[in-house]
Structure formats: structure tokens, C-alpha cells
Amino acid sequence: MENQVKPTPVSTHTPAEKTAFSILHTTGPMTRDEIKELACLKFSAPLVMQSFCHTAAYPKPVDVKTHQTLPGFIGERVTPKADEVYRSLNFDRIEGYAERGW
């Protein structure tokens, strides 16, 4: 029983440590507005990922514009360490749209 976790007393504040932040894309403008409403200036997590999973297969013209502008918006809010991972995850997706004329 040496490795047993001790309970945290009720009066103790223990902030959660975030190691990843994932944004599941439903509508980019809604995601952007929600982040602004939360006054999110920077993500402190070392990994930030923006998914275009809901609009990637058959994007409408408004989705194409969002796919082009949302990565920059999110990218402005990531830490330098997360920025490298974030941009590499989204680069191939956006380049694929450009090649298809979307």
C-alpha cells in the first residue's frame, strides 16, 4: 500500500494540469467565437490540435474559408513548443484542399 494516492483535503485548491488541448471542429466561426468569449489569449498546454473532422470530407465554400483562416487564429494562441506540432498537423490537410481546388 506504499503507492496509494492520498485524498486531497476539501479545503485544498489543486489546479488541473493540462498536457493537451484538442478542438473538435464543428463550425470554425463558432469555435473562434467561443475561444474569444473565454478570453483565451494563449493556450498553456504543450500540445494543441485543431481538427477539421466534421467538414473535411465535403467542405462548403464557407468551410474552405474557415480552413484557411482558423489555423492562423489558433496558431496565434499556442505556445512556441505547441506551435510546431500544431502547424505540422494542419499543414498537410490545408495543402490537400489547395491541391483539390477547395
N, C-alpha and C. Protein backbone atom coordinates (compact mmCIF):
# COMPACT_ATOMS: atom_id res chain seq x y z
N MET A 1 0.80 -1.20 0.00
CA MET A 1 0.00 0.00 0.00
C MET A 1 0.85 1.27 0.00
N GLU A 2 2.13 1.15 -0.30
CA GLU A 2 3.02 2.31 -0.29
C GLU A 2 2.69 3.30 -1.40
N ASN A 3 2.25 2.84 -2.55
CA ASN A 3 1.99 3.70 -3.70
C ASN A 3 0.56 4.22 -3.75
N GLN A 4 -0.15 4.12 -2.68
CA GLN A 4 -1.54 4.55 -2.66
C GLN A 4 -1.62 6.08 -2.69
N VAL A 5 -2.52 6.61 -3.51
CA VAL A 5 -2.70 8.05 -3.63
C VAL A 5 -3.49 8.55 -2.43
N LYS A 6 -2.99 9.62 -1.82
CA LYS A 6 -3.68 10.20 -0.67
C LYS A 6 -4.77 11.15 -1.16
N PRO A 7 -5.93 11.14 -0.54
CA PRO A 7 -7.00 12.05 -0.96
C PRO A 7 -6.62 13.50 -0.67
N THR A 8 -7.12 14.39 -1.52
CA THR A 8 -6.87 15.82 -1.34
C THR A 8 -7.92 16.38 -0.39
N PRO A 9 -7.50 17.10 0.65
CA PRO A 9 -8.49 17.70 1.57
C PRO A 9 -9.42 18.66 0.83
N VAL A 10 -10.66 18.73 1.27
CA VAL A 10 -11.67 19.57 0.63
C VAL A 10 -11.24 21.03 0.56
N SER A 11 -10.56 21.53 1.55
CA SER A 11 -10.18 22.95 1.58
C SER A 11 -8.98 23.27 0.70
N THR A 12 -8.40 22.28 0.05
CA THR A 12 -7.20 22.47 -0.76
C THR A 12 -7.58 22.73 -2.21
N HIS A 13 -6.94 23.73 -2.80
CA HIS A 13 -7.14 24.02 -4.22
C HIS A 13 -6.03 23.34 -5.02
N THR A 14 -6.40 22.50 -5.95
CA THR A 14 -5.43 21.82 -6.79
C THR A 14 -5.78 22.09 -8.25
N PRO A 15 -5.06 23.00 -8.90
CA PRO A 15 -5.37 23.28 -10.30
C PRO A 15 -5.04 22.09 -11.20
N ALA A 16 -5.84 21.89 -12.20
CA ALA A 16 -5.60 20.79 -13.14
C ALA A 16 -4.44 21.14 -14.05
N GLU A 17 -3.62 20.16 -14.34
CA GLU A 17 -2.51 20.37 -15.27
C GLU A 17 -2.96 19.89 -16.64
N LYS A 18 -2.87 20.75 -17.62
CA LYS A 18 -3.30 20.40 -18.97
C LYS A 18 -2.09 20.05 -19.82
N THR A 19 -2.11 18.87 -20.40
CA THR A 19 -1.00 18.46 -21.25
C THR A 19 -1.37 18.48 -22.72
N ALA A 20 -2.66 18.58 -23.02
CA ALA A 20 -3.10 18.65 -24.41
C ALA A 20 -4.41 19.41 -24.47
N PHE A 21 -4.63 20.09 -25.59
CA PHE A 21 -5.87 20.82 -25.81
C PHE A 21 -6.32 20.48 -27.21
N SER A 22 -7.47 19.87 -27.34
CA SER A 22 -7.98 19.45 -28.64
C SER A 22 -9.28 20.16 -28.93
N ILE A 23 -9.38 20.71 -30.12
CA ILE A 23 -10.58 21.42 -30.54
C ILE A 23 -11.22 20.60 -31.65
N LEU A 24 -12.38 20.04 -31.37
CA LEU A 24 -13.10 19.28 -32.39
C LEU A 24 -13.92 20.27 -33.19
N HIS A 25 -13.60 20.38 -34.44
CA HIS A 25 -14.18 21.40 -35.31
C HIS A 25 -15.60 21.00 -35.71
N THR A 26 -16.56 21.77 -35.30
CA THR A 26 -17.92 21.60 -35.81
C THR A 26 -18.20 22.73 -36.78
N THR A 27 -18.07 23.94 -36.33
CA THR A 27 -18.08 25.09 -37.23
C THR A 27 -16.98 26.02 -36.76
N GLY A 28 -16.08 26.35 -37.66
CA GLY A 28 -14.94 27.18 -37.31
C GLY A 28 -15.30 28.52 -36.69
N PRO A 29 -16.25 29.26 -37.29
CA PRO A 29 -16.62 30.54 -36.69
C PRO A 29 -17.14 30.39 -35.26
N MET A 30 -17.88 29.31 -34.98
CA MET A 30 -18.37 29.08 -33.62
C MET A 30 -17.19 28.82 -32.69
N THR A 31 -16.24 27.99 -33.12
CA THR A 31 -15.04 27.71 -32.33
C THR A 31 -14.30 29.00 -32.03
N ARG A 32 -14.12 29.83 -33.05
CA ARG A 32 -13.41 31.10 -32.90
C ARG A 32 -14.11 32.00 -31.89
N ASP A 33 -15.43 32.11 -32.00
CA ASP A 33 -16.21 32.95 -31.08
C ASP A 33 -16.13 32.43 -29.65
N GLU A 34 -16.21 31.11 -29.48
CA GLU A 34 -16.13 30.54 -28.13
C GLU A 34 -14.79 30.83 -27.49
N ILE A 35 -13.72 30.72 -28.26
CA ILE A 35 -12.39 30.99 -27.72
C ILE A 35 -12.27 32.47 -27.34
N LYS A 36 -12.82 33.35 -28.15
CA LYS A 36 -12.80 34.79 -27.81
C LYS A 36 -13.60 35.06 -26.54
N GLU A 37 -14.77 34.41 -26.42
CA GLU A 37 -15.61 34.61 -25.23
C GLU A 37 -14.92 34.11 -23.96
N LEU A 38 -14.09 33.11 -24.10
CA LEU A 38 -13.34 32.60 -22.95
C LEU A 38 -12.11 33.46 -22.65
N ALA A 39 -11.91 34.51 -23.46
CA ALA A 39 -10.76 35.41 -23.32
C ALA A 39 -9.45 34.63 -23.37
N CYS A 40 -9.40 33.67 -24.26
CA CYS A 40 -8.20 32.84 -24.40
C CYS A 40 -7.17 33.59 -25.23
N LEU A 41 -6.14 34.08 -24.57
CA LEU A 41 -5.07 34.77 -25.27
C LEU A 41 -3.97 33.81 -25.69
N LYS A 42 -3.72 32.80 -24.87
CA LYS A 42 -2.70 31.78 -25.16
C LYS A 42 -3.14 30.44 -24.56
N PHE A 43 -2.83 29.35 -25.26
CA PHE A 43 -3.02 28.02 -24.70
C PHE A 43 -1.75 27.66 -23.95
N SER A 44 -1.89 27.18 -22.73
CA SER A 44 -0.71 26.82 -21.95
C SER A 44 -0.32 25.35 -22.13
N ALA A 45 -1.18 24.56 -22.73
CA ALA A 45 -0.87 23.14 -22.94
C ALA A 45 0.25 23.00 -23.97
N PRO A 46 1.14 22.03 -23.79
CA PRO A 46 2.22 21.85 -24.75
C PRO A 46 1.77 21.27 -26.09
N LEU A 47 0.54 20.75 -26.17
CA LEU A 47 0.02 20.22 -27.42
C LEU A 47 -1.36 20.80 -27.67
N VAL A 48 -1.53 21.43 -28.83
CA VAL A 48 -2.82 21.98 -29.24
C VAL A 48 -3.14 21.41 -30.61
N MET A 49 -4.35 20.87 -30.76
CA MET A 49 -4.73 20.29 -32.04
C MET A 49 -6.10 20.81 -32.45
N GLN A 50 -6.21 21.29 -33.68
CA GLN A 50 -7.48 21.72 -34.25
C GLN A 50 -7.87 20.70 -35.30
N SER A 51 -9.00 20.07 -35.12
CA SER A 51 -9.47 19.07 -36.07
C SER A 51 -10.51 19.67 -37.00
N PHE A 52 -10.43 19.33 -38.27
CA PHE A 52 -11.46 19.72 -39.23
C PHE A 52 -12.31 18.51 -39.61
N CYS A 53 -12.48 17.60 -38.66
CA CYS A 53 -13.09 16.31 -38.94
C CYS A 53 -14.54 16.40 -39.44
N HIS A 54 -15.29 17.41 -39.05
CA HIS A 54 -16.70 17.47 -39.43
C HIS A 54 -16.92 18.11 -40.80
N THR A 55 -15.93 18.80 -41.34
CA THR A 55 -16.13 19.48 -42.62
C THR A 55 -15.06 19.13 -43.64
N ALA A 56 -14.15 18.24 -43.32
CA ALA A 56 -13.02 17.96 -44.21
C ALA A 56 -13.43 17.19 -45.47
N ALA A 57 -14.35 16.26 -45.36
CA ALA A 57 -14.68 15.40 -46.49
C ALA A 57 -15.41 16.15 -47.60
N TYR A 58 -16.40 16.95 -47.26
CA TYR A 58 -17.19 17.67 -48.26
C TYR A 58 -17.35 19.13 -47.84
N PRO A 59 -16.29 19.91 -47.92
CA PRO A 59 -16.38 21.29 -47.43
C PRO A 59 -17.22 22.18 -48.35
N LYS A 60 -18.01 23.03 -47.73
CA LYS A 60 -18.76 24.06 -48.45
C LYS A 60 -17.81 25.25 -48.62
N PRO A 61 -18.15 26.22 -49.47
CA PRO A 61 -17.28 27.39 -49.63
C PRO A 61 -16.94 28.09 -48.31
N VAL A 62 -17.90 28.19 -47.40
CA VAL A 62 -17.63 28.82 -46.11
C VAL A 62 -16.63 28.00 -45.30
N ASP A 63 -16.68 26.67 -45.45
CA ASP A 63 -15.73 25.80 -44.75
C ASP A 63 -14.31 26.00 -45.28
N VAL A 64 -14.19 26.16 -46.60
CA VAL A 64 -12.87 26.37 -47.20
C VAL A 64 -12.24 27.63 -46.63
N LYS A 65 -13.03 28.71 -46.52
CA LYS A 65 -12.51 29.95 -45.95
C LYS A 65 -12.08 29.73 -44.49
N THR A 66 -12.90 29.01 -43.75
CA THR A 66 -12.57 28.72 -42.35
C THR A 66 -11.31 27.87 -42.26
N HIS A 67 -11.17 26.87 -43.13
CA HIS A 67 -9.99 26.01 -43.13
C HIS A 67 -8.72 26.83 -43.40
N GLN A 68 -8.86 27.92 -44.14
CA GLN A 68 -7.71 28.76 -44.46
C GLN A 68 -7.39 29.75 -43.35
N THR A 69 -8.39 30.20 -42.60
CA THR A 69 -8.16 31.26 -41.61
C THR A 69 -8.08 30.77 -40.16
N LEU A 70 -8.76 29.69 -39.83
CA LEU A 70 -8.78 29.23 -38.44
C LEU A 70 -7.41 28.77 -37.94
N PRO A 71 -6.60 28.08 -38.75
CA PRO A 71 -5.27 27.69 -38.25
C PRO A 71 -4.44 28.88 -37.77
N GLY A 72 -4.50 29.99 -38.47
CA GLY A 72 -3.76 31.18 -38.04
C GLY A 72 -4.29 31.72 -36.73
N PHE A 73 -5.61 31.73 -36.59
CA PHE A 73 -6.24 32.21 -35.36
C PHE A 73 -5.81 31.36 -34.17
N ILE A 74 -5.86 30.04 -34.34
CA ILE A 74 -5.45 29.14 -33.26
C ILE A 74 -3.94 29.24 -33.06
N GLY A 75 -3.20 29.32 -34.16
CA GLY A 75 -1.75 29.39 -34.09
C GLY A 75 -1.24 30.59 -33.31
N GLU A 76 -1.99 31.69 -33.34
CA GLU A 76 -1.61 32.88 -32.57
C GLU A 76 -1.69 32.63 -31.07
N ARG A 77 -2.42 31.61 -30.67
CA ARG A 77 -2.68 31.37 -29.26
C ARG A 77 -1.90 30.20 -28.67
N VAL A 78 -1.07 29.56 -29.47
CA VAL A 78 -0.31 28.43 -28.94
C VAL A 78 1.07 28.86 -28.48
N THR A 79 1.63 28.09 -27.58
CA THR A 79 2.99 28.36 -27.11
C THR A 79 3.97 27.94 -28.20
N PRO A 80 5.19 28.46 -28.19
CA PRO A 80 6.15 28.08 -29.25
C PRO A 80 6.34 26.58 -29.40
N LYS A 81 6.34 25.83 -28.30
CA LYS A 81 6.51 24.38 -28.36
C LYS A 81 5.31 23.73 -29.05
N ALA A 82 4.12 24.17 -28.71
CA ALA A 82 2.91 23.59 -29.30
C ALA A 82 2.75 24.03 -30.75
N ASP A 83 3.25 25.21 -31.09
CA ASP A 83 3.09 25.75 -32.43
C ASP A 83 3.68 24.82 -33.48
N GLU A 84 4.82 24.26 -33.20
CA GLU A 84 5.47 23.36 -34.15
C GLU A 84 4.61 22.13 -34.43
N VAL A 85 4.06 21.54 -33.39
CA VAL A 85 3.19 20.37 -33.54
C VAL A 85 1.90 20.76 -34.23
N TYR A 86 1.30 21.88 -33.82
CA TYR A 86 0.03 22.32 -34.37
C TYR A 86 0.13 22.55 -35.87
N ARG A 87 1.13 23.29 -36.28
CA ARG A 87 1.26 23.61 -37.70
C ARG A 87 1.57 22.38 -38.53
N SER A 88 2.34 21.46 -38.02
CA SER A 88 2.64 20.26 -38.79
C SER A 88 1.40 19.38 -38.93
N LEU A 89 0.53 19.34 -37.92
CA LEU A 89 -0.69 18.54 -38.02
C LEU A 89 -1.67 19.13 -39.03
N ASN A 90 -1.73 20.44 -39.16
CA ASN A 90 -2.71 21.08 -40.03
C ASN A 90 -2.18 21.40 -41.42
N PHE A 91 -0.87 21.44 -41.62
CA PHE A 91 -0.31 21.83 -42.90
C PHE A 91 -0.74 20.89 -44.02
N ASP A 92 -0.60 19.59 -43.80
CA ASP A 92 -0.95 18.62 -44.84
C ASP A 92 -2.42 18.72 -45.22
N ARG A 93 -3.28 18.91 -44.25
CA ARG A 93 -4.71 19.00 -44.51
C ARG A 93 -5.01 20.20 -45.40
N ILE A 94 -4.48 21.36 -45.06
CA ILE A 94 -4.77 22.57 -45.82
C ILE A 94 -4.16 22.50 -47.20
N GLU A 95 -2.93 21.98 -47.31
CA GLU A 95 -2.31 21.82 -48.62
C GLU A 95 -3.14 20.89 -49.50
N GLY A 96 -3.73 19.85 -48.91
CA GLY A 96 -4.57 18.94 -49.66
C GLY A 96 -5.79 19.63 -50.25
N TYR A 97 -6.39 20.57 -49.50
CA TYR A 97 -7.53 21.32 -50.02
C TYR A 97 -7.10 22.18 -51.19
N ALA A 98 -5.96 22.83 -51.07
CA ALA A 98 -5.49 23.72 -52.13
C ALA A 98 -5.24 22.93 -53.41
N GLU A 99 -4.67 21.75 -53.29
CA GLU A 99 -4.40 20.92 -54.46
C GLU A 99 -5.68 20.49 -55.16
N ARG A 100 -6.76 20.31 -54.42
CA ARG A 100 -8.03 19.88 -54.99
C ARG A 100 -8.88 21.06 -55.47
N GLY A 101 -8.42 22.28 -55.22
CA GLY A 101 -9.18 23.45 -55.63
C GLY A 101 -10.32 23.79 -54.70
N TRP A 102 -10.28 23.27 -53.46
CA TRP A 102 -11.35 23.55 -52.49
C TRP A 102 -11.09 24.84 -51.78
